[in-house]
Amino acid sequence: MPKIKTHRGAAKRFKITGTGKIKRSRAYKSHILTGKPAKRMRHLRTSTLVSKTEQTNIKRLLPNM
């Protein structure tokens, strides 16, 4: 039988915390940065958790993590 492979795109975007929750970085931080205030950019720097509704889908993409 073939091995279950990790979705490499998801592995680069998500990390599993010690309690099993999924951590993600925030969007809208990559380009067109001149129109965004410094306060907004500071908040975009912080990571956050994935919502409960999306957790099952992402855990399916990361079987070995």
Protein backbone atom coordinates (compact mmCIF):
# COMPACT_ATOMS: atom_id res chain seq x y z
CA MET A 1 0.00 0.00 0.00
CA PRO A 2 1.24 3.53 -0.69
CA LYS A 3 2.14 5.79 2.18
CA ILE A 4 -0.06 8.74 3.14
CA LYS A 5 1.74 11.89 2.06
CA THR A 6 1.64 15.29 3.70
CA HIS A 7 0.26 18.12 1.54
CA ARG A 8 3.42 20.19 1.16
CA GLY A 9 1.59 23.46 0.50
CA ALA A 10 -0.36 23.07 3.74
CA ALA A 11 2.76 22.06 5.67
CA LYS A 12 4.39 25.39 4.74
CA ARG A 13 1.36 27.41 5.85
CA PHE A 14 0.20 25.72 9.07
CA LYS A 15 1.81 24.52 12.31
CA ILE A 16 0.25 22.24 14.93
CA THR A 17 0.40 23.53 18.51
CA GLY A 18 1.10 21.35 21.53
CA THR A 19 -2.60 21.08 22.32
CA GLY A 20 -3.49 20.03 18.77
CA LYS A 21 -4.82 23.34 17.48
CA ILE A 22 -3.66 24.68 14.12
CA LYS A 23 -1.75 27.95 13.90
CA ARG A 24 -1.72 30.15 10.79
CA SER A 25 -0.29 33.47 9.71
CA ARG A 26 -2.50 36.36 8.61
CA ALA A 27 -3.27 37.33 5.03
CA TYR A 28 -2.89 40.71 3.22
CA LYS A 29 0.74 41.26 4.19
CA SER A 30 2.63 40.45 0.99
CA HIS A 31 2.26 43.38 -1.43
CA ILE A 32 0.68 46.84 -1.90
CA LEU A 33 1.94 47.72 1.56
CA THR A 34 2.16 51.50 1.10
CA GLY A 35 -1.55 52.05 1.63
CA LYS A 36 -1.72 50.07 4.84
CA PRO A 37 -1.14 51.82 8.18
CA ALA A 38 1.63 50.74 10.53
CA LYS A 39 -0.90 49.66 13.16
CA ARG A 40 -2.55 47.29 10.70
CA MET A 41 0.83 45.85 9.68
CA ARG A 42 1.73 45.21 13.32
CA HIS A 43 -1.50 43.26 13.80
CA LEU A 44 -0.92 41.28 10.60
CA ARG A 45 2.46 40.18 11.96
CA THR A 46 0.89 38.15 14.75
CA SER A 47 -0.25 34.59 14.12
CA THR A 48 -3.70 33.26 14.96
CA LEU A 49 -5.57 29.97 15.18
CA VAL A 50 -7.58 28.33 12.43
CA SER A 51 -11.35 28.32 12.99
CA LYS A 52 -12.97 25.11 14.23
CA THR A 53 -14.87 24.58 10.98
CA GLU A 54 -11.63 24.45 8.95
CA GLN A 55 -9.59 22.36 11.40
CA THR A 56 -10.81 18.97 10.15
CA ASN A 57 -10.00 19.82 6.52
CA ILE A 58 -6.50 21.00 7.36
CA LYS A 59 -5.77 18.04 9.67
CA ARG A 60 -6.63 15.75 6.75
CA LEU A 61 -3.90 17.48 4.70
CA LEU A 62 -1.37 17.07 7.54
CA PRO A 63 -1.63 13.41 8.58
CA ASN A 64 1.96 13.02 9.78
CA MET A 65 2.25 16.19 11.84
